[in-house]
Amino acid sequence: MAAKIPVTIVTGFLGSGKTTLIRHLLQNNQGRRIAVVVNEFGELGIDGELLRSCQVCPEEESDANVVELTNGCLCCTVQEEFLPTMLELLKRRDRIDCILIETSGLALPKPLVKAFGWPEIRNGATVDGVVTVVDCEAVSAGTLAKDLAAIALQREADPNLDHETPLQELFEDQLACADLILLSKTDLVSAEAVAQVRSIVESELPRAVKMVECDRGSIDASVLLGFHAAVEDDLAQRPSHHDSEEDHDHDDNIDSAHVIFDRSFDPVLLQQRLQAIVQQQEIYRIKGFVHVPNKPMRLVMQGVGERFEQFYDRPWQPQETRETRLVFIGRSLDRSAIESELVSLP
């Protein structure tokens, strides 16, 4: 029988840097054939396309190796969505060296890990390790996540949970399941703040776990892969606030809206307008691709709360349409108002 495919679960709050981490790993895969399962909100699949764009493999293999699950928080849809996805990937096990799973910012790691004990998956895959990404800027500021409202509202919408501090408990659950803690956004805070975050994380860990600073997702693949932890057989050592709950379910008050323009935008003016829109509507995250005038490269624009970042990820391909596509994640979004605000830009 072929060896089990090792699976690495990457968890962490919204905007902590999970997609950036996986992009770097794919671009520096050291010859590994890596499949990615990404759990995100939004119909346009921005994260999935970002990950496909940095796969070093033929286009048809790249498409098959990045799977997007968009029907809600993965720990709530394990049986309905995750199981058939894993079964399809296992059919191609001779062409996959490892699998990465990027959870949504809300995900409880343990229900997902438990799925690897199911007979349909157990003989073909094992959880090699769980990596939890911690946003140093947010934790040092005392908020745990950059946009506290985005996560807190979703947690409060869970009818099966009744926690006074849901964000803190989710933070603790993600840490408790980890085999490695990655401290991200260290470039945005002082050395003293990083030391403070280390102390906070250590106080929450139920067992000794290594912490590694990670600047913009840059870390060697050998650090992230190869734990051989068989996490599905080690759950007793990874306590959770939800151990007594058989299931949980989210009331999807959070929605997404997307806009597509067949025109270019000045990135400075666009970011300024997006920051203004964030003040007008309850928007938690913005992500997408921008067509910039006189630029052969595609611009990636991402915003979490009031913080935005931009970078060019690749050249526009000759066969693709140069357009601007943005996804907005928030609550009670007015897509028409968003579109009107952007249309008026010069």
Protein backbone atom coordinates (compact mmCIF):
# COMPACT_ATOMS: atom_id res chain seq x y z
CA MET A 1 0.00 0.00 0.00
CA ALA A 2 1.25 3.49 -0.86
CA ALA A 3 2.36 5.71 2.00
CA LYS A 4 -0.19 8.13 3.41
CA ILE A 5 -0.13 11.64 1.97
CA PRO A 6 1.04 14.10 4.66
CA VAL A 7 -1.36 16.99 5.23
CA THR A 8 -0.42 20.30 6.86
CA ILE A 9 -3.26 22.41 8.26
CA VAL A 10 -2.58 26.17 8.33
CA THR A 11 -4.88 28.04 10.70
CA GLY A 12 -5.05 31.56 12.13
CA PHE A 13 -7.32 34.58 12.26
CA LEU A 14 -8.53 36.63 9.32
CA GLY A 15 -5.65 38.61 7.84
CA SER A 16 -2.91 36.89 9.85
CA GLY A 17 -0.94 35.98 6.72
CA LYS A 18 -1.96 32.39 5.90
CA THR A 19 -2.29 32.87 2.13
CA THR A 20 1.00 34.78 1.96
CA LEU A 21 2.69 31.92 3.79
CA ILE A 22 1.32 29.29 1.41
CA ARG A 23 2.21 31.38 -1.65
CA HIS A 24 5.82 31.52 -0.51
CA LEU A 25 5.85 27.79 0.10
CA LEU A 26 4.49 27.04 -3.37
CA GLN A 27 7.04 29.35 -4.97
CA ASN A 28 9.82 27.62 -3.03
CA ASN A 29 8.49 24.07 -3.06
CA GLN A 30 11.92 22.41 -3.48
CA GLY A 31 10.47 20.02 -6.04
CA ARG A 32 7.46 18.96 -3.98
CA ARG A 33 4.14 18.44 -5.73
CA ILE A 34 1.79 20.31 -3.40
CA ALA A 35 -2.00 20.37 -3.48
CA VAL A 36 -3.85 23.14 -1.65
CA VAL A 37 -7.35 23.25 -0.20
CA VAL A 38 -8.37 26.83 0.60
CA ASN A 39 -11.47 27.77 2.61
CA GLU A 40 -12.56 31.34 1.91
CA PHE A 41 -15.61 33.53 1.54
CA GLY A 42 -16.35 35.19 -1.79
CA GLU A 43 -17.51 33.96 -5.17
CA LEU A 44 -14.49 35.12 -7.16
CA GLY A 45 -11.97 32.90 -5.40
CA ILE A 46 -9.19 35.49 -5.11
CA ASP A 47 -7.06 33.41 -2.72
CA GLY A 48 -7.38 30.35 -4.93
CA GLU A 49 -6.26 32.26 -8.01
CA LEU A 50 -3.36 33.80 -6.11
CA LEU A 51 -2.19 30.33 -5.15
CA ARG A 52 -2.61 28.97 -8.67
CA SER A 53 -0.52 31.81 -10.07
CA CYS A 54 2.53 30.74 -8.07
CA GLN A 55 2.36 27.00 -8.77
CA VAL A 56 5.44 25.80 -10.65
CA CYS A 57 3.70 23.17 -12.79
CA PRO A 58 1.69 22.86 -16.01
CA GLU A 59 -1.54 24.88 -16.07
CA GLU A 60 -3.83 21.85 -16.02
CA GLU A 61 -2.00 20.40 -12.99
CA SER A 62 -2.06 23.79 -11.22
CA ASP A 63 -5.83 24.01 -11.63
CA ALA A 64 -6.31 20.51 -10.26
CA ASN A 65 -4.00 21.10 -7.30
CA VAL A 66 -5.80 24.14 -5.85
CA VAL A 67 -9.29 23.44 -4.54
CA GLU A 68 -11.53 26.20 -3.14
CA LEU A 69 -14.24 25.50 -0.56
CA THR A 70 -16.52 28.53 -0.28
CA ASN A 71 -19.70 27.19 1.30
CA GLY A 72 -18.91 28.27 4.83
CA CYS A 73 -16.45 27.63 7.61
CA LEU A 74 -14.68 24.35 6.90
CA CYS A 75 -15.07 22.96 10.41
CA CYS A 76 -18.85 23.22 9.88
CA THR A 77 -18.88 21.58 6.44
CA VAL A 78 -16.40 18.76 6.98
CA GLN A 79 -18.72 15.97 5.92
CA GLU A 80 -20.60 17.78 3.17
CA GLU A 81 -17.71 19.50 1.41
CA PHE A 82 -14.34 18.44 2.77
CA LEU A 83 -14.83 14.68 2.57
CA PRO A 84 -15.61 14.53 -1.18
CA THR A 85 -12.75 16.95 -1.86
CA MET A 86 -10.26 14.74 -0.03
CA LEU A 87 -11.55 11.64 -1.78
CA GLU A 88 -10.92 13.28 -5.16
CA LEU A 89 -7.41 14.29 -4.14
CA LEU A 90 -6.65 10.81 -2.87
CA LYS A 91 -7.48 9.42 -6.29
CA ARG A 92 -4.43 11.38 -7.54
CA ARG A 93 -2.14 10.39 -4.68
CA ASP A 94 0.56 9.21 -7.11
CA ARG A 95 0.88 12.82 -8.33
CA ILE A 96 0.78 14.58 -4.93
CA ASP A 97 3.59 14.71 -2.37
CA CYS A 98 1.70 16.67 0.28
CA ILE A 99 -1.47 18.66 0.88
CA LEU A 100 -1.87 22.08 2.51
CA ILE A 101 -5.22 23.11 3.98
CA GLU A 102 -5.74 26.84 4.59
CA THR A 103 -8.68 27.23 6.96
CA SER A 104 -10.86 30.30 7.25
CA GLY A 105 -10.17 32.71 10.09
CA LEU A 106 -13.06 31.20 12.05
CA ALA A 107 -12.10 27.56 11.84
CA LEU A 108 -11.69 25.34 14.85
CA PRO A 109 -8.83 23.01 13.88
CA LYS A 110 -9.96 19.98 15.88
CA PRO A 111 -13.15 19.04 13.96
CA LEU A 112 -11.12 19.08 10.76
CA VAL A 113 -8.37 16.91 12.25
CA LYS A 114 -10.97 14.43 13.50
CA ALA A 115 -12.07 13.85 9.91
CA PHE A 116 -8.73 12.20 9.23
CA GLY A 117 -9.78 9.40 11.52
CA TRP A 118 -12.68 8.53 9.21
CA PRO A 119 -12.13 5.22 7.35
CA GLU A 120 -12.58 6.91 3.96
CA ILE A 121 -9.57 9.17 4.62
CA ARG A 122 -7.50 7.40 7.26
CA ASN A 123 -5.83 4.89 4.95
CA GLY A 124 -4.80 7.54 2.45
CA ALA A 125 -3.80 10.65 4.39
CA THR A 126 -2.52 11.79 7.77
CA VAL A 127 -2.25 15.20 9.43
CA ASP A 128 1.50 15.76 9.41
CA GLY A 129 1.17 18.91 11.50
CA VAL A 130 -0.90 21.98 12.37
CA VAL A 131 0.65 25.42 11.85
CA THR A 132 -1.00 28.39 13.57
CA VAL A 133 -0.21 31.88 12.25
CA VAL A 134 -0.34 34.65 14.87
CA ASP A 135 -0.57 38.33 13.87
CA CYS A 136 2.01 40.04 16.11
CA GLU A 137 0.73 43.52 15.34
CA ALA A 138 -2.80 42.64 16.42
CA VAL A 139 -1.87 40.57 19.48
CA SER A 140 0.57 43.19 20.77
CA ALA A 141 -2.23 45.76 20.44
CA GLY A 142 -4.44 43.57 22.60
CA THR A 143 -6.98 42.70 19.90
CA LEU A 144 -5.71 39.20 18.89
CA ALA A 145 -6.92 39.88 15.33
CA LYS A 146 -6.53 43.03 13.27
CA ASP A 147 -10.27 43.28 12.63
CA LEU A 148 -11.90 42.13 15.84
CA ALA A 149 -15.44 42.83 14.63
CA ALA A 150 -15.15 40.56 11.60
CA ILE A 151 -14.43 37.50 13.72
CA ALA A 152 -16.39 38.36 16.85
CA LEU A 153 -19.63 38.85 14.92
CA GLN A 154 -19.28 35.48 13.23
CA ARG A 155 -18.51 33.71 16.49
CA GLU A 156 -21.47 35.36 18.21
CA ALA A 157 -23.69 34.13 15.37
CA ASP A 158 -22.94 30.52 16.35
CA PRO A 159 -26.11 29.26 18.11
CA ASN A 160 -24.28 26.41 19.87
CA LEU A 161 -21.71 28.54 21.64
CA ASP A 162 -22.22 30.83 24.59
CA HIS A 163 -18.87 32.38 25.46
CA GLU A 164 -18.14 35.65 27.16
CA THR A 165 -14.88 35.90 25.24
CA PRO A 166 -15.37 33.94 22.00
CA LEU A 167 -12.36 35.46 20.27
CA GLN A 168 -10.05 34.55 23.13
CA GLU A 169 -11.33 30.98 23.18
CA LEU A 170 -10.91 30.58 19.43
CA PHE A 171 -7.36 31.91 19.78
CA GLU A 172 -6.67 29.37 22.51
CA ASP A 173 -8.15 26.51 20.46
CA GLN A 174 -5.98 27.38 17.46
CA LEU A 175 -2.88 27.53 19.64
CA ALA A 176 -3.72 24.33 21.53
CA CYS A 177 -3.86 22.31 18.31
CA ALA A 178 -0.60 23.65 16.89
CA ASP A 179 2.67 21.84 16.23
CA LEU A 180 4.31 25.13 15.23
CA ILE A 181 3.45 28.79 15.89
CA LEU A 182 4.43 31.30 13.22
CA LEU A 183 4.70 34.89 14.43
CA SER A 184 3.76 37.08 11.45
CA LYS A 185 3.83 40.86 10.89
CA THR A 186 6.99 41.12 13.02
CA ASP A 187 8.21 43.86 10.68
CA LEU A 188 5.34 46.09 11.86
CA VAL A 189 6.18 46.00 15.57
CA SER A 190 9.17 46.51 17.84
CA ALA A 191 11.37 43.77 19.27
CA GLU A 192 9.78 44.44 22.66
CA ALA A 193 6.32 43.85 21.17
CA VAL A 194 7.44 40.56 19.62
CA ALA A 195 8.75 39.45 23.02
CA GLN A 196 5.41 40.42 24.56
CA VAL A 197 3.53 38.33 21.97
CA ARG A 198 5.79 35.36 22.66
CA SER A 199 4.95 35.62 26.34
CA ILE A 200 1.22 35.84 25.64
CA VAL A 201 1.30 32.80 23.35
CA GLU A 202 3.42 30.76 25.77
CA SER A 203 0.92 31.43 28.54
CA GLU A 204 -1.87 29.94 26.42
CA LEU A 205 -0.06 26.82 25.18
CA PRO A 206 -0.98 23.55 26.92
CA ARG A 207 2.36 22.00 25.94
CA ALA A 208 5.74 23.04 24.58
CA VAL A 209 5.47 24.24 20.97
CA LYS A 210 8.15 26.01 18.95
CA MET A 211 7.57 29.59 17.85
CA VAL A 212 9.24 30.99 14.73
CA GLU A 213 9.18 34.56 13.45
CA CYS A 214 8.02 34.78 9.85
CA ASP A 215 8.44 37.93 7.76
CA ARG A 216 5.92 38.14 4.87
CA GLY A 217 5.50 34.38 4.76
CA SER A 218 9.18 33.74 4.09
CA ILE A 219 10.16 30.50 5.77
CA ASP A 220 11.91 27.36 4.57
CA ALA A 221 9.64 24.48 3.60
CA SER A 222 11.62 22.11 5.81
CA VAL A 223 10.42 24.10 8.85
CA LEU A 224 6.74 23.80 7.90
CA LEU A 225 6.65 20.25 6.59
CA GLY A 226 7.75 16.90 7.95
CA PHE A 227 6.48 16.93 11.56
CA HIS A 228 5.23 13.32 11.25
CA ALA A 229 2.89 14.17 14.11
CA ALA A 230 -0.09 11.99 13.04
CA VAL A 231 -2.23 14.63 14.74
CA GLU A 232 -5.45 12.63 14.32
CA ASP A 233 -4.00 10.09 16.79
CA ASP A 234 -2.80 12.76 19.23
CA LEU A 235 -5.96 14.79 19.87
CA ALA A 236 -5.99 14.06 23.59
CA GLN A 237 -2.91 16.27 23.94
CA ARG A 238 -4.64 19.15 22.17
CA PRO A 239 -7.45 20.38 24.45
CA SER A 240 -10.26 22.50 23.04
CA HIS A 241 -13.04 24.59 24.54
CA HIS A 242 -15.36 22.63 22.27
CA ASP A 243 -14.36 19.10 23.21
CA SER A 244 -17.78 18.47 24.74
CA GLU A 245 -19.59 19.64 21.61
CA GLU A 246 -20.23 17.15 18.85
CA ASP A 247 -20.88 19.81 16.27
CA HIS A 248 -21.29 23.52 15.74
CA ASP A 249 -23.03 25.58 13.14
CA HIS A 250 -22.66 29.18 12.01
CA ASP A 251 -25.54 31.49 11.20
CA ASP A 252 -24.19 33.14 8.06
CA ASN A 253 -24.76 36.81 8.77
CA ILE A 254 -21.49 37.45 7.01
CA ASP A 255 -21.75 37.78 3.24
CA SER A 256 -19.65 38.82 0.29
CA ALA A 257 -20.07 41.04 -2.73
CA HIS A 258 -17.89 41.25 -5.80
CA VAL A 259 -17.39 43.86 -8.50
CA ILE A 260 -15.72 43.52 -11.88
CA PHE A 261 -14.61 46.43 -14.08
CA ASP A 262 -13.17 46.17 -17.59
CA ARG A 263 -10.98 49.21 -16.94
CA SER A 264 -7.82 50.23 -15.13
CA PHE A 265 -7.48 52.20 -11.88
CA ASP A 266 -4.80 54.35 -10.35
CA PRO A 267 -3.81 52.21 -7.33
CA VAL A 268 -3.34 55.17 -4.99
CA LEU A 269 -6.74 56.68 -5.79
CA LEU A 270 -8.39 53.25 -5.65
CA GLN A 271 -6.99 52.48 -2.21
CA GLN A 272 -8.10 55.86 -0.90
CA ARG A 273 -11.63 55.27 -2.20
CA LEU A 274 -11.72 51.75 -0.73
CA GLN A 275 -10.63 53.08 2.66
CA ALA A 276 -13.51 55.57 2.46
CA ILE A 277 -15.97 52.80 1.58
CA VAL A 278 -14.81 50.81 4.61
CA GLN A 279 -15.92 53.75 6.76
CA GLN A 280 -19.36 53.79 5.10
CA GLN A 281 -20.22 50.07 5.25
CA GLU A 282 -19.48 47.20 7.61
CA ILE A 283 -16.66 45.72 5.55
CA TYR A 284 -14.14 43.39 7.16
CA ARG A 285 -11.92 42.45 4.26
CA ILE A 286 -11.26 43.47 0.65
CA LYS A 287 -9.15 41.48 -1.77
CA GLY A 288 -8.70 41.30 -5.49
CA PHE A 289 -6.77 42.07 -8.65
CA VAL A 290 -6.34 45.52 -10.20
CA HIS A 291 -5.58 46.53 -13.77
CA VAL A 292 -3.13 49.44 -13.42
CA PRO A 293 -2.61 51.84 -16.37
CA ASN A 294 0.55 51.22 -18.41
CA LYS A 295 1.61 48.28 -16.19
CA PRO A 296 2.22 44.81 -17.68
CA MET A 297 1.87 43.25 -14.20
CA ARG A 298 -1.30 42.35 -12.29
CA LEU A 299 -1.65 44.22 -8.99
CA VAL A 300 -2.94 42.36 -5.93
CA MET A 301 -4.73 44.60 -3.45
CA GLN A 302 -5.78 43.39 0.01
CA GLY A 303 -7.35 45.24 2.91
CA VAL A 304 -8.12 44.10 6.45
CA GLY A 305 -9.87 46.79 8.44
CA GLU A 306 -8.10 50.03 7.64
CA ARG A 307 -4.80 48.38 6.72
CA PHE A 308 -4.12 47.81 3.00
CA GLU A 309 -1.27 46.23 1.10
CA GLN A 310 -0.43 46.03 -2.59
CA PHE A 311 1.99 43.96 -4.65
CA TYR A 312 2.42 42.84 -8.25
CA ASP A 313 2.18 39.05 -8.41
CA ARG A 314 2.71 38.22 -12.11
CA PRO A 315 2.48 39.57 -15.67
CA TRP A 316 -0.89 39.65 -17.39
CA GLN A 317 -1.12 36.64 -19.67
CA PRO A 318 -1.62 37.28 -23.41
CA GLN A 319 -4.91 35.35 -23.46
CA GLU A 320 -6.51 36.87 -20.35
CA THR A 321 -8.66 40.00 -20.08
CA ARG A 322 -7.08 42.85 -18.18
CA GLU A 323 -9.77 43.79 -15.69
CA THR A 324 -10.20 44.85 -12.06
CA ARG A 325 -11.91 42.29 -9.79
CA LEU A 326 -12.55 42.89 -6.10
CA VAL A 327 -14.31 40.86 -3.39
CA PHE A 328 -15.76 42.57 -0.30
CA ILE A 329 -16.46 40.51 2.83
CA GLY A 330 -18.67 42.03 5.49
CA ARG A 331 -22.19 42.33 6.80
CA SER A 332 -25.31 43.61 4.96
CA LEU A 333 -23.19 44.83 2.06
CA ASP A 334 -24.63 47.24 -0.51
CA ARG A 335 -22.97 46.12 -3.72
CA SER A 336 -24.60 48.84 -5.83
CA ALA A 337 -23.26 51.57 -3.56
CA ILE A 338 -19.78 50.09 -3.69
CA GLU A 339 -19.88 49.89 -7.45
CA SER A 340 -21.14 53.46 -7.77
CA GLU A 341 -18.30 54.76 -5.57
CA LEU A 342 -15.69 53.02 -7.72
CA VAL A 343 -17.23 53.89 -11.09
CA SER A 344 -16.85 57.58 -10.29
CA LEU A 345 -13.07 57.32 -9.95
CA PRO A 346 -11.10 58.94 -12.76
